[in-house]
C-alpha atoms as a PDB file:
ATOM      1  CA  UNK A   1      -0.177   0.097   0.489  1.00  0.00           C
ATOM      2  CA  UNK A   2       3.075   2.256   0.918  1.00  0.00           C
ATOM      3  CA  UNK A   3       4.477   1.792  -2.370  1.00  0.00           C
ATOM      4  CA  UNK A   4       1.562   2.239  -4.524  1.00  0.00           C
ATOM      5  CA  UNK A   5       0.696   5.377  -2.872  1.00  0.00           C
ATOM      6  CA  UNK A   6       4.202   6.856  -3.052  1.00  0.00           C
ATOM      7  CA  UNK A   7       4.245   5.732  -6.777  1.00  0.00           C
ATOM      8  CA  UNK A   8       0.830   7.536  -7.316  1.00  0.00           C
ATOM      9  CA  UNK A   9       2.306  10.473  -5.778  1.00  0.00           C
ATOM     10  CA  UNK A  10       5.296  10.633  -8.340  1.00  0.00           C
ATOM     11  CA  UNK A  11       2.779  10.269 -11.004  1.00  0.00           C
ATOM     12  CA  UNK A  12       0.539  12.884  -9.497  1.00  0.00           C
ATOM     13  CA  UNK A  13       3.180  15.745  -9.172  1.00  0.00           C
ATOM     14  CA  UNK A  14       6.138  15.040 -11.554  1.00  0.00           C
ATOM     15  CA  UNK A  15       4.041  13.328 -14.705  1.00  0.00           C
ATOM     16  CA  UNK A  16       3.093  15.452 -17.055  1.00  0.00           C
ATOM     17  CA  UNK A  17      -0.531  15.110 -18.822  1.00  0.00           C
ATOM     18  CA  UNK A  18      -0.230  13.067 -22.153  1.00  0.00           C
ATOM     19  CA  UNK A  19      -3.657  13.082 -23.496  1.00  0.00           C
ATOM     20  CA  UNK A  20      -4.313  14.834 -26.400  1.00  0.00           C
ATOM     21  CA  UNK A  21      -6.813  17.594 -27.218  1.00  0.00           C
ATOM     22  CA  UNK A  22      -9.201  16.446 -30.031  1.00  0.00           C
ATOM     23  CA  UNK A  23      -7.323  18.961 -32.680  1.00  0.00           C
ATOM     24  CA  UNK A  24      -3.832  17.428 -31.489  1.00  0.00           C
ATOM     25  CA  UNK A  25      -5.917  13.548 -32.056  1.00  0.00           C
ATOM     26  CA  UNK A  26      -6.649  14.558 -35.594  1.00  0.00           C
ATOM     27  CA  UNK A  27      -3.202  15.375 -36.728  1.00  0.00           C
ATOM     28  CA  UNK A  28      -1.717  12.281 -35.579  1.00  0.00           C
ATOM     29  CA  UNK A  29      -0.627  10.295 -38.951  1.00  0.00           C
ATOM     30  CA  UNK A  30       0.312   6.503 -39.028  1.00  0.00           C
ATOM     31  CA  UNK A  31      -0.777   3.833 -37.117  1.00  0.00           C
ATOM     32  CA  UNK A  32      -1.885   6.333 -34.202  1.00  0.00           C
ATOM     33  CA  UNK A  33      -4.356   7.920 -36.591  1.00  0.00           C
ATOM     34  CA  UNK A  34      -7.705   8.804 -34.984  1.00  0.00           C
ATOM     35  CA  UNK A  35     -10.332   6.309 -36.023  1.00  0.00           C
ATOM     36  CA  UNK A  36     -14.318   6.120 -35.844  1.00  0.00           C
ATOM     37  CA  UNK A  37     -16.896   3.162 -35.540  1.00  0.00           C
ATOM     38  CA  UNK A  38     -17.562   0.493 -33.225  1.00  0.00           C
ATOM     39  CA  UNK A  39     -14.432  -0.766 -31.301  1.00  0.00           C
ATOM     40  CA  UNK A  40     -14.169  -4.332 -33.020  1.00  0.00           C
ATOM     41  CA  UNK A  41     -14.506  -2.903 -36.126  1.00  0.00           C
ATOM     42  CA  UNK A  42     -11.688  -0.931 -35.689  1.00  0.00           C
ATOM     43  CA  UNK A  43      -9.350  -3.769 -33.762  1.00  0.00           C
ATOM     44  CA  UNK A  44     -10.372  -6.039 -37.096  1.00  0.00           C
ATOM     45  CA  UNK A  45      -8.934  -3.531 -39.267  1.00  0.00           C
ATOM     46  CA  UNK A  46      -5.282  -3.942 -37.767  1.00  0.00           C
ATOM     47  CA  UNK A  47      -4.481  -7.034 -38.081  1.00  0.00           C
ATOM     48  CA  UNK A  48      -0.866  -6.691 -36.601  1.00  0.00           C
ATOM     49  CA  UNK A  49      -2.518  -6.194 -33.197  1.00  0.00           C
ATOM     50  CA  UNK A  50      -4.587  -9.174 -33.814  1.00  0.00           C
ATOM     51  CA  UNK A  51      -1.695 -11.294 -34.644  1.00  0.00           C
ATOM     52  CA  UNK A  52       0.167  -9.650 -31.543  1.00  0.00           C
ATOM     53  CA  UNK A  53      -2.250 -10.047 -29.316  1.00  0.00           C
ATOM     54  CA  UNK A  54      -2.686 -13.873 -30.506  1.00  0.00           C
ATOM     55  CA  UNK A  55       1.295 -14.526 -30.306  1.00  0.00           C
ATOM     56  CA  UNK A  56       0.935 -13.109 -26.478  1.00  0.00           C
ATOM     57  CA  UNK A  57      -1.523 -15.749 -25.559  1.00  0.00           C
ATOM     58  CA  UNK A  58       1.764 -18.129 -26.035  1.00  0.00           C
ATOM     59  CA  UNK A  59       4.318 -15.579 -24.070  1.00  0.00           C
ATOM     60  CA  UNK A  60       1.614 -15.675 -21.336  1.00  0.00           C
ATOM     61  CA  UNK A  61       0.901 -19.543 -21.441  1.00  0.00           C
ATOM     62  CA  UNK A  62       5.109 -19.971 -20.564  1.00  0.00           C
ATOM     63  CA  UNK A  63       5.323 -17.151 -18.067  1.00  0.00           C
ATOM     64  CA  UNK A  64       2.221 -18.527 -15.671  1.00  0.00           C
ATOM     65  CA  UNK A  65       5.048 -21.663 -15.340  1.00  0.00           C
ATOM     66  CA  UNK A  66       6.772 -19.033 -12.945  1.00  0.00           C
ATOM     67  CA  UNK A  67       4.187 -20.285 -10.496  1.00  0.00           C
ATOM     68  CA  UNK A  68       2.244 -23.163 -11.557  1.00  0.00           C
ATOM     69  CA  UNK A  69       4.862 -25.425 -13.012  1.00  0.00           C
ATOM     70  CA  UNK A  70       7.999 -23.990 -11.168  1.00  0.00           C
ATOM     71  CA  UNK A  71       6.482 -25.038  -7.827  1.00  0.00           C
ATOM     72  CA  UNK A  72       5.274 -28.035  -8.762  1.00  0.00           C
ATOM     73  CA  UNK A  73       8.622 -29.448 -10.107  1.00  0.00           C
ATOM     74  CA  UNK A  74      10.489 -28.065  -7.198  1.00  0.00           C
ATOM     75  CA  UNK A  75       8.341 -30.507  -5.027  1.00  0.00           C
ATOM     76  CA  UNK A  76       8.848 -33.278  -7.186  1.00  0.00           C
ATOM     77  CA  UNK A  77      12.450 -32.719  -7.195  1.00  0.00           C
ATOM     78  CA  UNK A  78      13.376 -31.677  -3.773  1.00  0.00           C
ATOM     79  CA  UNK A  79      10.097 -32.853  -1.563  1.00  0.00           C
ATOM     80  CA  UNK A  80       8.224 -31.238   0.705  1.00  0.00           C
ATOM     81  CA  UNK A  81       9.746 -28.426   2.873  1.00  0.00           C
ATOM     82  CA  UNK A  82      13.123 -28.014   0.503  1.00  0.00           C
ATOM     83  CA  UNK A  83      10.910 -27.605  -2.396  1.00  0.00           C
ATOM     84  CA  UNK A  84       9.378 -24.320  -1.149  1.00  0.00           C
ATOM     85  CA  UNK A  85      12.512 -23.414  -0.058  1.00  0.00           C
ATOM     86  CA  UNK A  86      14.354 -23.632  -3.186  1.00  0.00           C
ATOM     87  CA  UNK A  87      11.076 -22.059  -5.109  1.00  0.00           C
ATOM     88  CA  UNK A  88      11.427 -19.067  -2.454  1.00  0.00           C
ATOM     89  CA  UNK A  89      15.117 -18.882  -3.464  1.00  0.00           C
ATOM     90  CA  UNK A  90      14.089 -18.590  -6.736  1.00  0.00           C
ATOM     91  CA  UNK A  91      11.598 -15.954  -6.671  1.00  0.00           C
ATOM     92  CA  UNK A  92      13.609 -13.767  -4.501  1.00  0.00           C
ATOM     93  CA  UNK A  93      16.616 -13.947  -7.451  1.00  0.00           C
ATOM     94  CA  UNK A  94      13.432 -13.235 -10.131  1.00  0.00           C
ATOM     95  CA  UNK A  95      12.734 -10.117  -7.901  1.00  0.00           C
ATOM     96  CA  UNK A  96      16.301  -8.941  -7.481  1.00  0.00           C
ATOM     97  CA  UNK A  97      16.621  -9.319 -10.781  1.00  0.00           C
ATOM     98  CA  UNK A  98      13.784  -7.161 -12.079  1.00  0.00           C
ATOM     99  CA  UNK A  99      14.689  -4.533  -9.057  1.00  0.00           C
ATOM    100  CA  UNK A 100      18.029  -4.224 -10.419  1.00  0.00           C
ATOM    101  CA  UNK A 101      17.975  -4.591 -14.277  1.00  0.00           C
ATOM    102  CA  UNK A 102      14.648  -2.837 -15.388  1.00  0.00           C
ATOM    103  CA  UNK A 103      16.641   0.586 -15.450  1.00  0.00           C
ATOM    104  CA  UNK A 104      19.657  -0.870 -17.361  1.00  0.00           C
ATOM    105  CA  UNK A 105      17.913  -3.193 -19.797  1.00  0.00           C
ATOM    106  CA  UNK A 106      15.000  -0.291 -20.694  1.00  0.00           C
ATOM    107  CA  UNK A 107      17.860   2.000 -21.256  1.00  0.00           C
ATOM    108  CA  UNK A 108      20.098  -0.867 -23.312  1.00  0.00           C
ATOM    109  CA  UNK A 109      17.223  -1.418 -25.682  1.00  0.00           C
ATOM    110  CA  UNK A 110      15.433   1.890 -26.278  1.00  0.00           C
ATOM    111  CA  UNK A 111      16.194   2.710 -29.424  1.00  0.00           C
ATOM    112  CA  UNK A 112      15.162  -0.970 -30.572  1.00  0.00           C
ATOM    113  CA  UNK A 113      11.515  -1.497 -32.182  1.00  0.00           C
ATOM    114  CA  UNK A 114       9.493  -3.109 -29.698  1.00  0.00           C
ATOM    115  CA  UNK A 115       8.916  -5.884 -31.791  1.00  0.00           C
ATOM    116  CA  UNK A 116      12.230  -6.863 -31.954  1.00  0.00           C
ATOM    117  CA  UNK A 117      12.884  -6.615 -28.250  1.00  0.00           C
ATOM    118  CA  UNK A 118       9.731  -8.593 -27.859  1.00  0.00           C
ATOM    119  CA  UNK A 119      11.438 -11.427 -29.429  1.00  0.00           C
ATOM    120  CA  UNK A 120      14.408 -11.284 -27.407  1.00  0.00           C
ATOM    121  CA  UNK A 121      12.364 -11.248 -24.810  1.00  0.00           C
ATOM    122  CA  UNK A 122      10.376 -14.542 -26.132  1.00  0.00           C
ATOM    123  CA  UNK A 123      13.517 -16.254 -26.729  1.00  0.00           C
ATOM    124  CA  UNK A 124      14.379 -15.791 -23.175  1.00  0.00           C
ATOM    125  CA  UNK A 125      11.577 -17.193 -21.724  1.00  0.00           C
ATOM    126  CA  UNK A 126      12.193 -20.263 -24.597  1.00  0.00           C
ATOM    127  CA  UNK A 127      15.406 -20.504 -23.297  1.00  0.00           C
ATOM    128  CA  UNK A 128      14.877 -20.254 -19.499  1.00  0.00           C
ATOM    129  CA  UNK A 129      12.164 -22.582 -18.987  1.00  0.00           C
ATOM    130  CA  UNK A 130      12.868 -24.691 -21.641  1.00  0.00           C
ATOM    131  CA  UNK A 131      16.562 -25.714 -20.608  1.00  0.00           C
ATOM    132  CA  UNK A 132      14.969 -26.764 -16.896  1.00  0.00           C
ATOM    133  CA  UNK A 133      13.999 -29.479 -18.684  1.00  0.00           C
ATOM    134  CA  UNK A 134      18.068 -30.601 -19.163  1.00  0.00           C
ATOM    135  CA  UNK A 135      19.650 -28.986 -16.051  1.00  0.00           C
ATOM    136  CA  UNK A 136      18.286 -31.945 -13.612  1.00  0.00           C
ATOM    137  CA  UNK A 137      18.504 -31.371  -9.888  1.00  0.00           C
ATOM    138  CA  UNK A 138      21.502 -28.686 -10.273  1.00  0.00           C
ATOM    139  CA  UNK A 139      20.185 -25.928  -8.072  1.00  0.00           C
ATOM    140  CA  UNK A 140      22.907 -23.724  -9.275  1.00  0.00           C
ATOM    141  CA  UNK A 141      22.101 -24.300 -13.309  1.00  0.00           C
ATOM    142  CA  UNK A 142      18.425 -24.080 -12.324  1.00  0.00           C
ATOM    143  CA  UNK A 143      19.248 -20.536 -10.864  1.00  0.00           C
ATOM    144  CA  UNK A 144      20.844 -19.505 -13.947  1.00  0.00           C
ATOM    145  CA  UNK A 145      17.621 -20.569 -16.150  1.00  0.00           C
ATOM    146  CA  UNK A 146      15.810 -17.990 -13.602  1.00  0.00           C
ATOM    147  CA  UNK A 147      18.032 -15.443 -14.596  1.00  0.00           C
ATOM    148  CA  UNK A 148      17.076 -15.794 -18.052  1.00  0.00           C
ATOM    149  CA  UNK A 149      13.289 -15.689 -17.968  1.00  0.00           C
ATOM    150  CA  UNK A 150      13.773 -13.316 -15.626  1.00  0.00           C
ATOM    151  CA  UNK A 151      15.447 -10.961 -17.914  1.00  0.00           C
ATOM    152  CA  UNK A 152      12.630 -12.249 -20.425  1.00  0.00           C
ATOM    153  CA  UNK A 153      10.459 -11.032 -18.022  1.00  0.00           C
ATOM    154  CA  UNK A 154      11.726  -7.061 -17.590  1.00  0.00           C
ATOM    155  CA  UNK A 155      12.111  -6.936 -21.873  1.00  0.00           C
ATOM    156  CA  UNK A 156       8.497  -8.321 -22.614  1.00  0.00           C
ATOM    157  CA  UNK A 157       6.686  -6.232 -19.676  1.00  0.00           C
ATOM    158  CA  UNK A 158       8.436  -3.291 -21.182  1.00  0.00           C
ATOM    159  CA  UNK A 159       7.848  -3.701 -24.607  1.00  0.00           C
ATOM    160  CA  UNK A 160       4.352  -5.021 -24.951  1.00  0.00           C
ATOM    161  CA  UNK A 161       2.030  -2.294 -23.933  1.00  0.00           C
ATOM    162  CA  UNK A 162       4.654   0.356 -26.261  1.00  0.00           C
ATOM    163  CA  UNK A 163       4.233  -1.874 -29.256  1.00  0.00           C
ATOM    164  CA  UNK A 164      -0.070  -2.125 -28.893  1.00  0.00           C
ATOM    165  CA  UNK A 165      -0.104   1.731 -27.932  1.00  0.00           C
ATOM    166  CA  UNK A 166       2.254   2.498 -31.435  1.00  0.00           C
ATOM    167  CA  UNK A 167      -0.390   0.697 -33.083  1.00  0.00           C
ATOM    168  CA  UNK A 168      -3.574   1.829 -32.021  1.00  0.00           C
ATOM    169  CA  UNK A 169      -5.823   5.114 -32.919  1.00  0.00           C
ATOM    170  CA  UNK A 170      -4.718   7.628 -30.421  1.00  0.00           C
ATOM    171  CA  UNK A 171      -8.227   7.325 -29.353  1.00  0.00           C
ATOM    172  CA  UNK A 172      -8.465   3.708 -28.760  1.00  0.00           C
ATOM    173  CA  UNK A 173      -5.313   3.252 -26.996  1.00  0.00           C
ATOM    174  CA  UNK A 174      -7.209   2.538 -23.493  1.00  0.00           C
ATOM    175  CA  UNK A 175      -9.699  -0.046 -25.026  1.00  0.00           C
ATOM    176  CA  UNK A 176      -6.861  -1.755 -26.716  1.00  0.00           C
ATOM    177  CA  UNK A 177      -4.785  -2.311 -24.084  1.00  0.00           C
ATOM    178  CA  UNK A 178      -7.644  -3.712 -22.149  1.00  0.00           C
ATOM    179  CA  UNK A 179      -8.446  -6.200 -24.341  1.00  0.00           C
ATOM    180  CA  UNK A 180      -4.966  -7.227 -24.753  1.00  0.00           C
ATOM    181  CA  UNK A 181      -4.646  -7.830 -21.260  1.00  0.00           C
ATOM    182  CA  UNK A 182      -7.920 -10.019 -21.052  1.00  0.00           C
ATOM    183  CA  UNK A 183      -6.971 -11.753 -24.360  1.00  0.00           C
ATOM    184  CA  UNK A 184      -3.591 -12.958 -23.006  1.00  0.00           C
ATOM    185  CA  UNK A 185      -5.186 -13.409 -19.605  1.00  0.00           C
ATOM    186  CA  UNK A 186      -6.680 -16.464 -21.140  1.00  0.00           C
ATOM    187  CA  UNK A 187      -2.719 -18.082 -21.001  1.00  0.00           C
ATOM    188  CA  UNK A 188      -2.945 -18.096 -17.963  1.00  0.00           C
ATOM    189  CA  UNK A 189      -6.279 -19.363 -17.331  1.00  0.00           C
ATOM    190  CA  UNK A 190      -5.047 -22.362 -19.924  1.00  0.00           C
ATOM    191  CA  UNK A 191      -1.520 -22.667 -18.241  1.00  0.00           C
ATOM    192  CA  UNK A 192      -1.813 -24.550 -15.149  1.00  0.00           C
ATOM    193  CA  UNK A 193      -4.708 -27.683 -17.073  1.00  0.00           C
ATOM    194  CA  UNK A 194      -2.374 -27.552 -20.380  1.00  0.00           C
ATOM    195  CA  UNK A 195       1.279 -28.223 -17.825  1.00  0.00           C
ATOM    196  CA  UNK A 196      -1.013 -30.728 -15.630  1.00  0.00           C
ATOM    197  CA  UNK A 197      -1.494 -32.293 -18.893  1.00  0.00           C
ATOM    198  CA  UNK A 198       1.805 -32.722 -20.538  1.00  0.00           C
ATOM    199  CA  UNK A 199       3.216 -33.927 -16.850  1.00  0.00           C
ATOM    200  CA  UNK A 200       0.696 -36.771 -16.625  1.00  0.00           C
ATOM    201  CA  UNK A 201       1.502 -37.848 -20.131  1.00  0.00           C
ATOM    202  CA  UNK A 202       5.222 -37.320 -19.845  1.00  0.00           C
ATOM    203  CA  UNK A 203       7.503 -36.204 -16.775  1.00  0.00           C
ATOM    204  CA  UNK A 204       8.791 -32.816 -15.675  1.00  0.00           C
ATOM    205  CA  UNK A 205      11.722 -33.033 -17.885  1.00  0.00           C
ATOM    206  CA  UNK A 206       9.674 -33.536 -21.239  1.00  0.00           C
ATOM    207  CA  UNK A 207       7.173 -30.437 -19.881  1.00  0.00           C
ATOM    208  CA  UNK A 208       9.551 -28.001 -19.690  1.00  0.00           C
ATOM    209  CA  UNK A 209      11.219 -28.658 -23.178  1.00  0.00           C
ATOM    210  CA  UNK A 210       7.766 -28.615 -24.704  1.00  0.00           C
ATOM    211  CA  UNK A 211       7.140 -25.206 -22.662  1.00  0.00           C
ATOM    212  CA  UNK A 212      10.141 -23.799 -24.225  1.00  0.00           C
ATOM    213  CA  UNK A 213       9.170 -24.830 -27.874  1.00  0.00           C
ATOM    214  CA  UNK A 214       6.173 -23.026 -27.343  1.00  0.00           C
END
């Protein structure tokens, strides 16, 4: 609650208003030019956003394994008690990576196209989660895979909204972002059931390789 209040205060007092006037909206060109009509009609006229949203579902299916598949995997590998401790360590490492590297990575990649950055982020997801199927019970190697998908998390999350905003009509930005969140959220719903099915048919090692392939 305290950090939320602090961040709200920073936005309130230090960030200038970015909402454009109607006149400014009418002067915007390219992908962001103002659009008229029903929301779904406007969305359908932008296949790049539809394609991006579709592939984002796969990204969310993979990323959801940081909570579901990873916790099951560690409990299975190290047993009850040790598995939970190992999971706590990995989540702490994830938090530290996000805390320390977000500004650095954002600065390094700011001149690249958001779509290119998303490819990097998704690739790191694939490597980070997929390689867990090969490292066995070597915890240091599992830590390294956590570093990979944590960096992928930073790059993906900081570029996803930017891409959508850059390809959305200026007067539909909020609605496009909201729908992206709703549709990609379907990946988080599907992910546990998909992972459970794969584990029951094969084993954890195969499951991680399949997640990496996704």
